[in-house]
Amino acid sequence: MKRWSYITILSLLICLSCKKDDGLPADIPACIKQNIEAAKQDTYGISDVTEYEYQGKIVYALTPSTLIADASTPIYDQTCKQICSVGGFGGPAINQCNGENFFQKAIKKRVIWTR
């Protein structure tokens, strides 16, 4: 009887100590995770989040949903500061980010999340 009590208590502790996994990499900034969680609830939000190396830093592109015509893509650094916004209505000049063409210079590392 005592043995079953210990097993029951141990099983309960294991179940309660587990936390829900959001499926996102642990090493991405909190603001990026917050944007993804918000996008899951919003059809018109972002459609994907991609990590790039750009100008020697890790940055995140939050691509807008295709339901928004000619929307630009905000680019955030690891401190959650928006460093630029690329694409959208306006042609190739809109791809400039800190003096360089983002899409020509950025190195894609991984897709963090996609709708």
PDB file of N, CA and C in Angstrom:
ATOM      1  N   MET A   1       0.824  -1.196   0.000  1.00  0.00           N
ATOM      2  CA  MET A   1       0.000   0.000   0.000  1.00  0.00           C
ATOM      3  C   MET A   1       0.866   1.258   0.000  1.00  0.00           C
ATOM      4  N   LYS A   2       1.901   1.238   0.829  1.00  0.00           N
ATOM      5  CA  LYS A   2       2.799   2.381   0.910  1.00  0.00           C
ATOM      6  C   LYS A   2       3.504   2.602  -0.436  1.00  0.00           C
ATOM      7  N   ARG A   3       3.857   1.498  -1.061  1.00  0.00           N
ATOM      8  CA  ARG A   3       4.538   1.567  -2.357  1.00  0.00           C
ATOM      9  C   ARG A   3       3.647   2.257  -3.389  1.00  0.00           C
ATOM     10  N   TRP A   4       2.359   1.923  -3.428  1.00  0.00           N
ATOM     11  CA  TRP A   4       1.432   2.536  -4.384  1.00  0.00           C
ATOM     12  C   TRP A   4       1.254   4.022  -4.096  1.00  0.00           C
ATOM     13  N   SER A   5       1.301   4.394  -2.852  1.00  0.00           N
ATOM     14  CA  SER A   5       1.201   5.817  -2.488  1.00  0.00           C
ATOM     15  C   SER A   5       2.387   6.589  -3.047  1.00  0.00           C
ATOM     16  N   TYR A   6       3.587   6.013  -2.891  1.00  0.00           N
ATOM     17  CA  TYR A   6       4.786   6.664  -3.425  1.00  0.00           C
ATOM     18  C   TYR A   6       4.727   6.772  -4.951  1.00  0.00           C
ATOM     19  N   ILE A   7       4.294   5.713  -5.594  1.00  0.00           N
ATOM     20  CA  ILE A   7       4.187   5.720  -7.055  1.00  0.00           C
ATOM     21  C   ILE A   7       3.170   6.760  -7.511  1.00  0.00           C
ATOM     22  N   THR A   8       2.047   6.845  -6.834  1.00  0.00           N
ATOM     23  CA  THR A   8       1.012   7.821  -7.184  1.00  0.00           C
ATOM     24  C   THR A   8       1.518   9.246  -6.999  1.00  0.00           C
ATOM     25  N   ILE A   9       2.173   9.503  -5.880  1.00  0.00           N
ATOM     26  CA  ILE A   9       2.704  10.850  -5.611  1.00  0.00           C
ATOM     27  C   ILE A   9       3.785  11.207  -6.623  1.00  0.00           C
ATOM     28  N   LEU A  10       4.671  10.278  -6.902  1.00  0.00           N
ATOM     29  CA  LEU A  10       5.730  10.520  -7.879  1.00  0.00           C
ATOM     30  C   LEU A  10       5.152  10.799  -9.262  1.00  0.00           C
ATOM     31  N   SER A  11       4.173  10.034  -9.667  1.00  0.00           N
ATOM     32  CA  SER A  11       3.526  10.249 -10.976  1.00  0.00           C
ATOM     33  C   SER A  11       2.860  11.616 -11.043  1.00  0.00           C
ATOM     34  N   LEU A  12       2.201  11.995  -9.969  1.00  0.00           N
ATOM     35  CA  LEU A  12       1.539  13.297  -9.913  1.00  0.00           C
ATOM     36  C   LEU A  12       2.554  14.433 -10.008  1.00  0.00           C
ATOM     37  N   LEU A  13       3.659  14.307  -9.294  1.00  0.00           N
ATOM     38  CA  LEU A  13       4.702  15.339  -9.349  1.00  0.00           C
ATOM     39  C   LEU A  13       5.304  15.465 -10.745  1.00  0.00           C
ATOM     40  N   ILE A  14       5.515  14.354 -11.388  1.00  0.00           N
ATOM     41  CA  ILE A  14       6.062  14.379 -12.747  1.00  0.00           C
ATOM     42  C   ILE A  14       5.098  15.079 -13.697  1.00  0.00           C
ATOM     43  N   CYS A  15       3.833  14.761 -13.597  1.00  0.00           N
ATOM     44  CA  CYS A  15       2.829  15.385 -14.474  1.00  0.00           C
ATOM     45  C   CYS A  15       2.706  16.880 -14.219  1.00  0.00           C
ATOM     46  N   LEU A  16       2.748  17.287 -12.967  1.00  0.00           N
ATOM     47  CA  LEU A  16       2.597  18.703 -12.635  1.00  0.00           C
ATOM     48  C   LEU A  16       3.839  19.521 -12.955  1.00  0.00           C
ATOM     49  N   SER A  17       4.997  18.876 -12.984  1.00  0.00           N
ATOM     50  CA  SER A  17       6.225  19.614 -13.253  1.00  0.00           C
ATOM     51  C   SER A  17       6.453  19.851 -14.744  1.00  0.00           C
ATOM     52  N   CYS A  18       5.724  19.160 -15.580  1.00  0.00           N
ATOM     53  CA  CYS A  18       5.856  19.344 -17.022  1.00  0.00           C
ATOM     54  C   CYS A  18       5.186  20.643 -17.435  1.00  0.00           C
ATOM     55  N   LYS A  19       5.869  21.404 -18.287  1.00  0.00           N
ATOM     56  CA  LYS A  19       5.234  22.609 -18.806  1.00  0.00           C
ATOM     57  C   LYS A  19       4.989  22.436 -20.295  1.00  0.00           C
ATOM     58  N   LYS A  20       4.019  23.159 -20.778  1.00  0.00           N
ATOM     59  CA  LYS A  20       3.638  23.053 -22.181  1.00  0.00           C
ATOM     60  C   LYS A  20       4.768  23.573 -23.066  1.00  0.00           C
ATOM     61  N   ASP A  21       5.123  22.806 -24.055  1.00  0.00           N
ATOM     62  CA  ASP A  21       6.153  23.193 -25.009  1.00  0.00           C
ATOM     63  C   ASP A  21       5.482  23.915 -26.166  1.00  0.00           C
ATOM     64  N   ASP A  22       5.926  25.150 -26.431  1.00  0.00           N
ATOM     65  CA  ASP A  22       5.314  25.918 -27.517  1.00  0.00           C
ATOM     66  C   ASP A  22       5.892  25.555 -28.878  1.00  0.00           C
ATOM     67  N   GLY A  23       6.886  24.662 -28.886  1.00  0.00           N
ATOM     68  CA  GLY A  23       7.471  24.223 -30.138  1.00  0.00           C
ATOM     69  C   GLY A  23       8.471  25.192 -30.744  1.00  0.00           C
ATOM     70  N   LEU A  24       8.745  26.293 -30.049  1.00  0.00           N
ATOM     71  CA  LEU A  24       9.675  27.299 -30.551  1.00  0.00           C
ATOM     72  C   LEU A  24      11.054  27.078 -29.947  1.00  0.00           C
ATOM     73  N   PRO A  25      12.111  27.405 -30.693  1.00  0.00           N
ATOM     74  CA  PRO A  25      13.453  27.273 -30.138  1.00  0.00           C
ATOM     75  C   PRO A  25      13.609  28.133 -28.880  1.00  0.00           C
ATOM     76  N   ALA A  26      14.329  27.621 -27.914  1.00  0.00           N
ATOM     77  CA  ALA A  26      14.504  28.328 -26.642  1.00  0.00           C
ATOM     78  C   ALA A  26      15.403  29.554 -26.773  1.00  0.00           C
ATOM     79  N   ASP A  27      16.211  29.618 -27.824  1.00  0.00           N
ATOM     80  CA  ASP A  27      17.197  30.691 -27.928  1.00  0.00           C
ATOM     81  C   ASP A  27      16.715  31.932 -28.684  1.00  0.00           C
ATOM     82  N   ILE A  28      15.444  32.043 -28.981  1.00  0.00           N
ATOM     83  CA  ILE A  28      14.960  33.249 -29.662  1.00  0.00           C
ATOM     84  C   ILE A  28      14.463  34.257 -28.627  1.00  0.00           C
ATOM     85  N   PRO A  29      14.566  35.553 -28.937  1.00  0.00           N
ATOM     86  CA  PRO A  29      14.147  36.587 -27.987  1.00  0.00           C
ATOM     87  C   PRO A  29      12.661  36.506 -27.638  1.00  0.00           C
ATOM     88  N   ALA A  30      12.345  36.972 -26.440  1.00  0.00           N
ATOM     89  CA  ALA A  30      10.964  36.936 -25.943  1.00  0.00           C
ATOM     90  C   ALA A  30      10.010  37.704 -26.850  1.00  0.00           C
ATOM     91  N   CYS A  31      10.453  38.838 -27.395  1.00  0.00           N
ATOM     92  CA  CYS A  31       9.555  39.632 -28.243  1.00  0.00           C
ATOM     93  C   CYS A  31       9.189  38.882 -29.521  1.00  0.00           C
ATOM     94  N   ILE A  32      10.101  38.088 -30.034  1.00  0.00           N
ATOM     95  CA  ILE A  32       9.818  37.301 -31.234  1.00  0.00           C
ATOM     96  C   ILE A  32       8.781  36.229 -30.892  1.00  0.00           C
ATOM     97  N   LYS A  33       8.951  35.588 -29.745  1.00  0.00           N
ATOM     98  CA  LYS A  33       7.968  34.594 -29.301  1.00  0.00           C
ATOM     99  C   LYS A  33       6.594  35.237 -29.118  1.00  0.00           C
ATOM    100  N   GLN A  34       6.564  36.439 -28.555  1.00  0.00           N
ATOM    101  CA  GLN A  34       5.292  37.141 -28.348  1.00  0.00           C
ATOM    102  C   GLN A  34       4.620  37.460 -29.678  1.00  0.00           C
ATOM    103  N   ASN A  35       5.405  37.881 -30.655  1.00  0.00           N
ATOM    104  CA  ASN A  35       4.855  38.159 -31.987  1.00  0.00           C
ATOM    105  C   ASN A  35       4.279  36.894 -32.615  1.00  0.00           C
ATOM    106  N   ILE A  36       4.947  35.781 -32.424  1.00  0.00           N
ATOM    107  CA  ILE A  36       4.467  34.515 -32.978  1.00  0.00           C
ATOM    108  C   ILE A  36       3.161  34.103 -32.301  1.00  0.00           C
ATOM    109  N   GLU A  37       3.114  34.211 -30.984  1.00  0.00           N
ATOM    110  CA  GLU A  37       1.893  33.848 -30.254  1.00  0.00           C
ATOM    111  C   GLU A  37       0.722  34.727 -30.694  1.00  0.00           C
ATOM    112  N   ALA A  38       0.974  36.015 -30.908  1.00  0.00           N
ATOM    113  CA  ALA A  38      -0.076  36.921 -31.383  1.00  0.00           C
ATOM    114  C   ALA A  38      -0.510  36.541 -32.797  1.00  0.00           C
ATOM    115  N   ALA A  39       0.447  36.157 -33.639  1.00  0.00           N
ATOM    116  CA  ALA A  39       0.138  35.795 -35.027  1.00  0.00           C
ATOM    117  C   ALA A  39      -0.719  34.540 -35.111  1.00  0.00           C
ATOM    118  N   LYS A  40      -0.573  33.657 -34.155  1.00  0.00           N
ATOM    119  CA  LYS A  40      -1.383  32.433 -34.150  1.00  0.00           C
ATOM    120  C   LYS A  40      -2.868  32.748 -33.998  1.00  0.00           C
ATOM    121  N   GLN A  41      -3.170  33.897 -33.409  1.00  0.00           N
ATOM    122  CA  GLN A  41      -4.559  34.298 -33.177  1.00  0.00           C
ATOM    123  C   GLN A  41      -5.093  35.244 -34.250  1.00  0.00           C
ATOM    124  N   ASP A  42      -4.215  35.718 -35.150  1.00  0.00           N
ATOM    125  CA  ASP A  42      -4.576  36.768 -36.101  1.00  0.00           C
ATOM    126  C   ASP A  42      -4.317  36.315 -37.532  1.00  0.00           C
ATOM    127  N   THR A  43      -5.357  36.167 -38.314  1.00  0.00           N
ATOM    128  CA  THR A  43      -5.242  35.739 -39.709  1.00  0.00           C
ATOM    129  C   THR A  43      -4.419  36.714 -40.545  1.00  0.00           C
ATOM    130  N   TYR A  44      -4.477  37.996 -40.217  1.00  0.00           N
ATOM    131  CA  TYR A  44      -3.800  39.017 -41.011  1.00  0.00           C
ATOM    132  C   TYR A  44      -2.418  39.365 -40.483  1.00  0.00           C
ATOM    133  N   GLY A  45      -1.939  38.652 -39.510  1.00  0.00           N
ATOM    134  CA  GLY A  45      -0.630  38.932 -38.929  1.00  0.00           C
ATOM    135  C   GLY A  45       0.503  38.394 -39.776  1.00  0.00           C
ATOM    136  N   ILE A  46       1.563  38.036 -39.110  1.00  0.00           N
ATOM    137  CA  ILE A  46       2.727  37.513 -39.817  1.00  0.00           C
ATOM    138  C   ILE A  46       2.476  36.074 -40.269  1.00  0.00           C
ATOM    139  N   SER A  47       3.132  35.716 -41.376  1.00  0.00           N
ATOM    140  CA  SER A  47       2.956  34.358 -41.896  1.00  0.00           C
ATOM    141  C   SER A  47       4.136  33.466 -41.544  1.00  0.00           C
ATOM    142  N   ASP A  48       5.299  34.072 -41.319  1.00  0.00           N
ATOM    143  CA  ASP A  48       6.449  33.282 -40.889  1.00  0.00           C
ATOM    144  C   ASP A  48       7.512  34.177 -40.257  1.00  0.00           C
ATOM    145  N   VAL A  49       8.396  33.536 -39.510  1.00  0.00           N
ATOM    146  CA  VAL A  49       9.522  34.220 -38.874  1.00  0.00           C
ATOM    147  C   VAL A  49      10.781  33.477 -39.289  1.00  0.00           C
ATOM    148  N   THR A  50      11.722  34.212 -39.863  1.00  0.00           N
ATOM    149  CA  THR A  50      12.959  33.613 -40.341  1.00  0.00           C
ATOM    150  C   THR A  50      14.144  34.298 -39.681  1.00  0.00           C
ATOM    151  N   GLU A  51      15.115  33.496 -39.280  1.00  0.00           N
ATOM    152  CA  GLU A  51      16.337  34.014 -38.663  1.00  0.00           C
ATOM    153  C   GLU A  51      17.416  34.162 -39.735  1.00  0.00           C
ATOM    154  N   TYR A  52      18.080  35.312 -39.741  1.00  0.00           N
ATOM    155  CA  TYR A  52      19.156  35.596 -40.687  1.00  0.00           C
ATOM    156  C   TYR A  52      20.391  36.071 -39.937  1.00  0.00           C
ATOM    157  N   GLU A  53      21.530  35.960 -40.603  1.00  0.00           N
ATOM    158  CA  GLU A  53      22.728  36.664 -40.157  1.00  0.00           C
ATOM    159  C   GLU A  53      22.874  37.840 -41.110  1.00  0.00           C
ATOM    160  N   TYR A  54      22.950  39.035 -40.542  1.00  0.00           N
ATOM    161  CA  TYR A  54      23.017  40.242 -41.370  1.00  0.00           C
ATOM    162  C   TYR A  54      23.942  41.249 -40.707  1.00  0.00           C
ATOM    163  N   GLN A  55      24.935  41.680 -41.440  1.00  0.00           N
ATOM    164  CA  GLN A  55      25.932  42.625 -40.951  1.00  0.00           C
ATOM    165  C   GLN A  55      26.554  42.145 -39.637  1.00  0.00           C
ATOM    166  N   GLY A  56      26.824  40.847 -39.573  1.00  0.00           N
ATOM    167  CA  GLY A  56      27.491  40.255 -38.419  1.00  0.00           C
ATOM    168  C   GLY A  56      26.611  40.005 -37.209  1.00  0.00           C
ATOM    169  N   LYS A  57      25.310  40.198 -37.348  1.00  0.00           N
ATOM    170  CA  LYS A  57      24.395  40.013 -36.221  1.00  0.00           C
ATOM    171  C   LYS A  57      23.265  39.064 -36.617  1.00  0.00           C
ATOM    172  N   ILE A  58      22.651  38.450 -35.615  1.00  0.00           N
ATOM    173  CA  ILE A  58      21.467  37.627 -35.843  1.00  0.00           C
ATOM    174  C   ILE A  58      20.257  38.547 -35.831  1.00  0.00           C
ATOM    175  N   VAL A  59      19.429  38.432 -36.871  1.00  0.00           N
ATOM    176  CA  VAL A  59      18.214  39.244 -36.978  1.00  0.00           C
ATOM    177  C   VAL A  59      17.043  38.337 -37.344  1.00  0.00           C
ATOM    178  N   TYR A  60      15.849  38.876 -37.158  1.00  0.00           N
ATOM    179  CA  TYR A  60      14.631  38.110 -37.406  1.00  0.00           C
ATOM    180  C   TYR A  60      13.715  38.887 -38.338  1.00  0.00           C
ATOM    181  N   ALA A  61      13.282  38.237 -39.410  1.00  0.00           N
ATOM    182  CA  ALA A  61      12.346  38.837 -40.364  1.00  0.00           C
ATOM    183  C   ALA A  61      10.962  38.278 -40.084  1.00  0.00           C
ATOM    184  N   LEU A  62      10.010  39.176 -39.831  1.00  0.00           N
ATOM    185  CA  LEU A  62       8.629  38.782 -39.561  1.00  0.00           C
ATOM    186  C   LEU A  62       7.810  39.059 -40.815  1.00  0.00           C
ATOM    187  N   THR A  63       7.744  38.073 -41.696  1.00  0.00           N
ATOM    188  CA  THR A  63       7.083  38.226 -42.986  1.00  0.00           C
ATOM    189  C   THR A  63       5.574  38.351 -42.802  1.00  0.00           C
ATOM    190  N   PRO A  64       4.972  39.387 -43.401  1.00  0.00           N
ATOM    191  CA  PRO A  64       3.522  39.565 -43.250  1.00  0.00           C
ATOM    192  C   PRO A  64       2.736  38.530 -44.047  1.00  0.00           C
ATOM    193  N   SER A  65       1.504  38.346 -43.647  1.00  0.00           N
ATOM    194  CA  SER A  65       0.593  37.444 -44.339  1.00  0.00           C
ATOM    195  C   SER A  65       0.414  37.891 -45.785  1.00  0.00           C
ATOM    196  N   THR A  66       0.200  36.944 -46.673  1.00  0.00           N
ATOM    197  CA  THR A  66      -0.039  37.285 -48.078  1.00  0.00           C
ATOM    198  C   THR A  66      -1.395  37.953 -48.266  1.00  0.00           C
ATOM    199  N   LEU A  67      -2.219  37.955 -47.232  1.00  0.00           N
ATOM    200  CA  LEU A  67      -3.515  38.628 -47.314  1.00  0.00           C
ATOM    201  C   LEU A  67      -3.367  40.149 -47.290  1.00  0.00           C
ATOM    202  N   ILE A  68      -2.177  40.613 -46.931  1.00  0.00           N
ATOM    203  CA  ILE A  68      -1.915  42.051 -46.894  1.00  0.00           C
ATOM    204  C   ILE A  68      -1.041  42.387 -48.105  1.00  0.00           C
ATOM    205  N   ALA A  69      -1.627  42.993 -49.098  1.00  0.00           N
ATOM    206  CA  ALA A  69      -0.897  43.302 -50.330  1.00  0.00           C
ATOM    207  C   ALA A  69       0.169  44.356 -50.072  1.00  0.00           C
ATOM    208  N   ASP A  70       1.358  44.124 -50.594  1.00  0.00           N
ATOM    209  CA  ASP A  70       2.470  45.069 -50.548  1.00  0.00           C
ATOM    210  C   ASP A  70       2.887  45.481 -49.142  1.00  0.00           C
ATOM    211  N   ALA A  71       2.719  44.621 -48.165  1.00  0.00           N
ATOM    212  CA  ALA A  71       3.167  44.925 -46.803  1.00  0.00           C
ATOM    213  C   ALA A  71       4.679  44.737 -46.715  1.00  0.00           C
ATOM    214  N   SER A  72       5.322  45.533 -45.896  1.00  0.00           N
ATOM    215  CA  SER A  72       6.763  45.399 -45.715  1.00  0.00           C
ATOM    216  C   SER A  72       7.060  44.396 -44.599  1.00  0.00           C
ATOM    217  N   THR A  73       8.294  43.930 -44.572  1.00  0.00           N
ATOM    218  CA  THR A  73       8.733  42.951 -43.587  1.00  0.00           C
ATOM    219  C   THR A  73       9.629  43.637 -42.565  1.00  0.00           C
ATOM    220  N   PRO A  74       9.198  43.734 -41.309  1.00  0.00           N
ATOM    221  CA  PRO A  74      10.061  44.333 -40.289  1.00  0.00           C
ATOM    222  C   PRO A  74      11.201  43.380 -39.929  1.00  0.00           C
ATOM    223  N   ILE A  75      12.377  43.957 -39.701  1.00  0.00           N
ATOM    224  CA  ILE A  75      13.561  43.195 -39.320  1.00  0.00           C
ATOM    225  C   ILE A  75      13.948  43.615 -37.902  1.00  0.00           C
ATOM    226  N   TYR A  76      14.034  42.642 -36.997  1.00  0.00           N
ATOM    227  CA  TYR A  76      14.373  42.905 -35.597  1.00  0.00           C
ATOM    228  C   TYR A  76      15.720  42.287 -35.248  1.00  0.00           C
ATOM    229  N   ASP A  77      16.466  42.970 -34.364  1.00  0.00           N
ATOM    230  CA  ASP A  77      17.713  42.386 -33.874  1.00  0.00           C
ATOM    231  C   ASP A  77      17.425  41.549 -32.627  1.00  0.00           C
ATOM    232  N   GLN A  78      18.477  41.024 -31.992  1.00  0.00           N
ATOM    233  CA  GLN A  78      18.296  40.144 -30.839  1.00  0.00           C
ATOM    234  C   GLN A  78      17.837  40.877 -29.584  1.00  0.00           C
ATOM    235  N   THR A  79      17.900  42.208 -29.594  1.00  0.00           N
ATOM    236  CA  THR A  79      17.421  42.978 -28.443  1.00  0.00           C
ATOM    237  C   THR A  79      15.995  43.464 -28.675  1.00  0.00           C
ATOM    238  N   CYS A  80      15.373  42.964 -29.718  1.00  0.00           N
ATOM    239  CA  CYS A  80      13.980  43.286 -30.074  1.00  0.00           C
ATOM    240  C   CYS A  80      13.818  44.703 -30.624  1.00  0.00           C
ATOM    241  N   LYS A  81      14.903  45.283 -31.085  1.00  0.00           N
ATOM    242  CA  LYS A  81      14.846  46.602 -31.716  1.00  0.00           C
ATOM    243  C   LYS A  81      14.626  46.403 -33.214  1.00  0.00           C
ATOM    244  N   GLN A  82      13.644  47.120 -33.772  1.00  0.00           N
ATOM    245  CA  GLN A  82      13.425  47.040 -35.216  1.00  0.00           C
ATOM    246  C   GLN A  82      14.518  47.856 -35.892  1.00  0.00           C
ATOM    247  N   ILE A  83      15.335  47.182 -36.709  1.00  0.00           N
ATOM    248  CA  ILE A  83      16.449  47.879 -37.353  1.00  0.00           C
ATOM    249  C   ILE A  83      16.075  48.431 -38.720  1.00  0.00           C
ATOM    250  N   CYS A  84      15.058  47.838 -39.349  1.00  0.00           N
ATOM    251  CA  CYS A  84      14.591  48.344 -40.636  1.00  0.00           C
ATOM    252  C   CYS A  84      13.316  47.607 -41.027  1.00  0.00           C
ATOM    253  N   SER A  85      12.808  47.975 -42.177  1.00  0.00           N
ATOM    254  CA  SER A  85      11.640  47.319 -42.753  1.00  0.00           C
ATOM    255  C   SER A  85      11.901  47.223 -44.250  1.00  0.00           C
ATOM    256  N   VAL A  86      11.785  46.027 -44.803  1.00  0.00           N
ATOM    257  CA  VAL A  86      12.131  45.826 -46.211  1.00  0.00           C
ATOM    258  C   VAL A  86      10.940  45.301 -46.995  1.00  0.00           C
ATOM    259  N   GLY A  87      11.019  45.477 -48.310  1.00  0.00           N
ATOM    260  CA  GLY A  87       9.965  44.987 -49.187  1.00  0.00           C
ATOM    261  C   GLY A  87       8.758  45.894 -49.186  1.00  0.00           C
ATOM    262  N   GLY A  88       7.714  45.417 -49.809  1.00  0.00           N
ATOM    263  CA  GLY A  88       6.492  46.207 -49.879  1.00  0.00           C
ATOM    264  C   GLY A  88       6.413  47.017 -51.151  1.00  0.00           C
ATOM    265  N   PHE A  89       5.483  47.952 -51.173  1.00  0.00           N
ATOM    266  CA  PHE A  89       5.248  48.785 -52.341  1.00  0.00           C
ATOM    267  C   PHE A  89       6.349  49.825 -52.447  1.00  0.00           C
ATOM    268  N   GLY A  90       7.027  49.882 -53.563  1.00  0.00           N
ATOM    269  CA  GLY A  90       8.051  50.893 -53.751  1.00  0.00           C
ATOM    270  C   GLY A  90       9.259  50.429 -54.530  1.00  0.00           C
ATOM    271  N   GLY A  91       9.337  49.170 -54.842  1.00  0.00           N
ATOM    272  CA  GLY A  91      10.421  48.690 -55.670  1.00  0.00           C
ATOM    273  C   GLY A  91      11.672  48.310 -54.903  1.00  0.00           C
ATOM    274  N   PRO A  92      12.778  48.080 -55.641  1.00  0.00           N
ATOM    275  CA  PRO A  92      14.018  47.583 -55.048  1.00  0.00           C
ATOM    276  C   PRO A  92      14.630  48.491 -53.980  1.00  0.00           C
ATOM    277  N   ALA A  93      14.416  49.788 -54.059  1.00  0.00           N
ATOM    278  CA  ALA A  93      14.996  50.697 -53.065  1.00  0.00           C
ATOM    279  C   ALA A  93      14.470  50.403 -51.665  1.00  0.00           C
ATOM    280  N   ILE A  94      13.322  49.793 -51.579  1.00  0.00           N
ATOM    281  CA  ILE A  94      12.707  49.487 -50.293  1.00  0.00           C
ATOM    282  C   ILE A  94      13.433  48.330 -49.591  1.00  0.00           C
ATOM    283  N   ASN A  95      14.308  47.639 -50.284  1.00  0.00           N
ATOM    284  CA  ASN A  95      15.035  46.515 -49.699  1.00  0.00           C
ATOM    285  C   ASN A  95      16.282  46.941 -48.936  1.00  0.00           C
ATOM    286  N   GLN A  96      16.536  48.243 -48.859  1.00  0.00           N
ATOM    287  CA  GLN A  96      17.712  48.751 -48.158  1.00  0.00           C
ATOM    288  C   GLN A  96      17.529  48.656 -46.645  1.00  0.00           C
ATOM    289  N   CYS A  97      18.570  48.168 -45.979  1.00  0.00           N
ATOM    290  CA  CYS A  97      18.571  48.050 -44.521  1.00  0.00           C
ATOM    291  C   CYS A  97      19.972  48.391 -44.032  1.00  0.00           C
ATOM    292  N   ASN A  98      20.101  49.488 -43.329  1.00  0.00           N
ATOM    293  CA  ASN A  98      21.414  49.952 -42.850  1.00  0.00           C
ATOM    294  C   ASN A  98      22.415  50.094 -43.996  1.00  0.00           C
ATOM    295  N   GLY A  99      21.948  50.628 -45.118  1.00  0.00           N
ATOM    296  CA  GLY A  99      22.834  50.926 -46.237  1.00  0.00           C
ATOM    297  C   GLY A  99      23.094  49.796 -47.212  1.00  0.00           C
ATOM    298  N   GLU A 100      22.535  48.627 -46.996  1.00  0.00           N
ATOM    299  CA  GLU A 100      22.753  47.499 -47.897  1.00  0.00           C
ATOM    300  C   GLU A 100      21.419  46.852 -48.256  1.00  0.00           C
ATOM    301  N   ASN A 101      21.417  46.151 -49.390  1.00  0.00           N
ATOM    302  CA  ASN A 101      20.227  45.415 -49.801  1.00  0.00           C
ATOM    303  C   ASN A 101      20.105  44.178 -48.910  1.00  0.00           C
ATOM    304  N   PHE A 102      19.063  44.159 -48.104  1.00  0.00           N
ATOM    305  CA  PHE A 102      18.897  43.070 -47.136  1.00  0.00           C
ATOM    306  C   PHE A 102      18.863  41.713 -47.813  1.00  0.00           C
ATOM    307  N   PHE A 103      18.085  41.576 -48.870  1.00  0.00           N
ATOM    308  CA  PHE A 103      17.892  40.269 -49.494  1.00  0.00           C
ATOM    309  C   PHE A 103      19.135  39.768 -50.225  1.00  0.00           C
ATOM    310  N   GLN A 104      20.055  40.659 -50.570  1.00  0.00           N
ATOM    311  CA  GLN A 104      21.302  40.240 -51.205  1.00  0.00           C
ATOM    312  C   GLN A 104      22.381  39.898 -50.183  1.00  0.00           C
ATOM    313  N   LYS A 105      22.355  40.545 -49.029  1.00  0.00           N
ATOM    314  CA  LYS A 105      23.426  40.376 -48.041  1.00  0.00           C
ATOM    315  C   LYS A 105      23.079  39.436 -46.885  1.00  0.00           C
ATOM    316  N   ALA A 106      21.815  39.290 -46.570  1.00  0.00           N
ATOM    317  CA  ALA A 106      21.418  38.462 -45.425  1.00  0.00           C
ATOM    318  C   ALA A 106      21.628  36.980 -45.727  1.00  0.00           C
ATOM    319  N   ILE A 107      22.098  36.255 -44.732  1.00  0.00           N
ATOM    320  CA  ILE A 107      22.293  34.809 -44.851  1.00  0.00           C
ATOM    321  C   ILE A 107      21.211  34.122 -44.024  1.00  0.00           C
ATOM    322  N   LYS A 108      20.372  33.372 -44.701  1.00  0.00           N
ATOM    323  CA  LYS A 108      19.271  32.678 -44.020  1.00  0.00           C
ATOM    324  C   LYS A 108      19.828  31.550 -43.158  1.00  0.00           C
ATOM    325  N   LYS A 109      19.461  31.564 -41.876  1.00  0.00           N
ATOM    326  CA  LYS A 109      19.913  30.532 -40.946  1.00  0.00           C
ATOM    327  C   LYS A 109      18.862  29.440 -40.758  1.00  0.00           C
ATOM    328  N   ARG A 110      17.632  29.868 -40.433  1.00  0.00           N
ATOM    329  CA  ARG A 110      16.569  28.888 -40.196  1.00  0.00           C
ATOM    330  C   ARG A 110      15.217  29.577 -40.168  1.00  0.00           C
ATOM    331  N   VAL A 111      14.188  28.793 -40.449  1.00  0.00           N
ATOM    332  CA  VAL A 111      12.814  29.273 -40.305  1.00  0.00           C
ATOM    333  C   VAL A 111      12.400  28.917 -38.879  1.00  0.00           C
ATOM    334  N   ILE A 112      12.038  29.934 -38.112  1.00  0.00           N
ATOM    335  CA  ILE A 112      11.658  29.744 -36.712  1.00  0.00           C
ATOM    336  C   ILE A 112      10.222  29.241 -36.606  1.00  0.00           C
ATOM    337  N   TRP A 113       9.340  29.850 -37.403  1.00  0.00           N
ATOM    338  CA  TRP A 113       7.914  29.511 -37.340  1.00  0.00           C
ATOM    339  C   TRP A 113       7.262  29.851 -38.672  1.00  0.00           C
ATOM    340  N   THR A 114       6.292  29.048 -39.051  1.00  0.00           N
ATOM    341  CA  THR A 114       5.500  29.336 -40.239  1.00  0.00           C
ATOM    342  C   THR A 114       4.048  28.958 -39.960  1.00  0.00           C
ATOM    343  N   ARG A 115       3.168  29.722 -40.557  1.00  0.00           N
ATOM    344  CA  ARG A 115       1.730  29.499 -40.342  1.00  0.00           C
ATOM    345  C   ARG A 115       1.300  28.193 -40.966  1.00  0.00           C
TER     346      ARG A 115
END
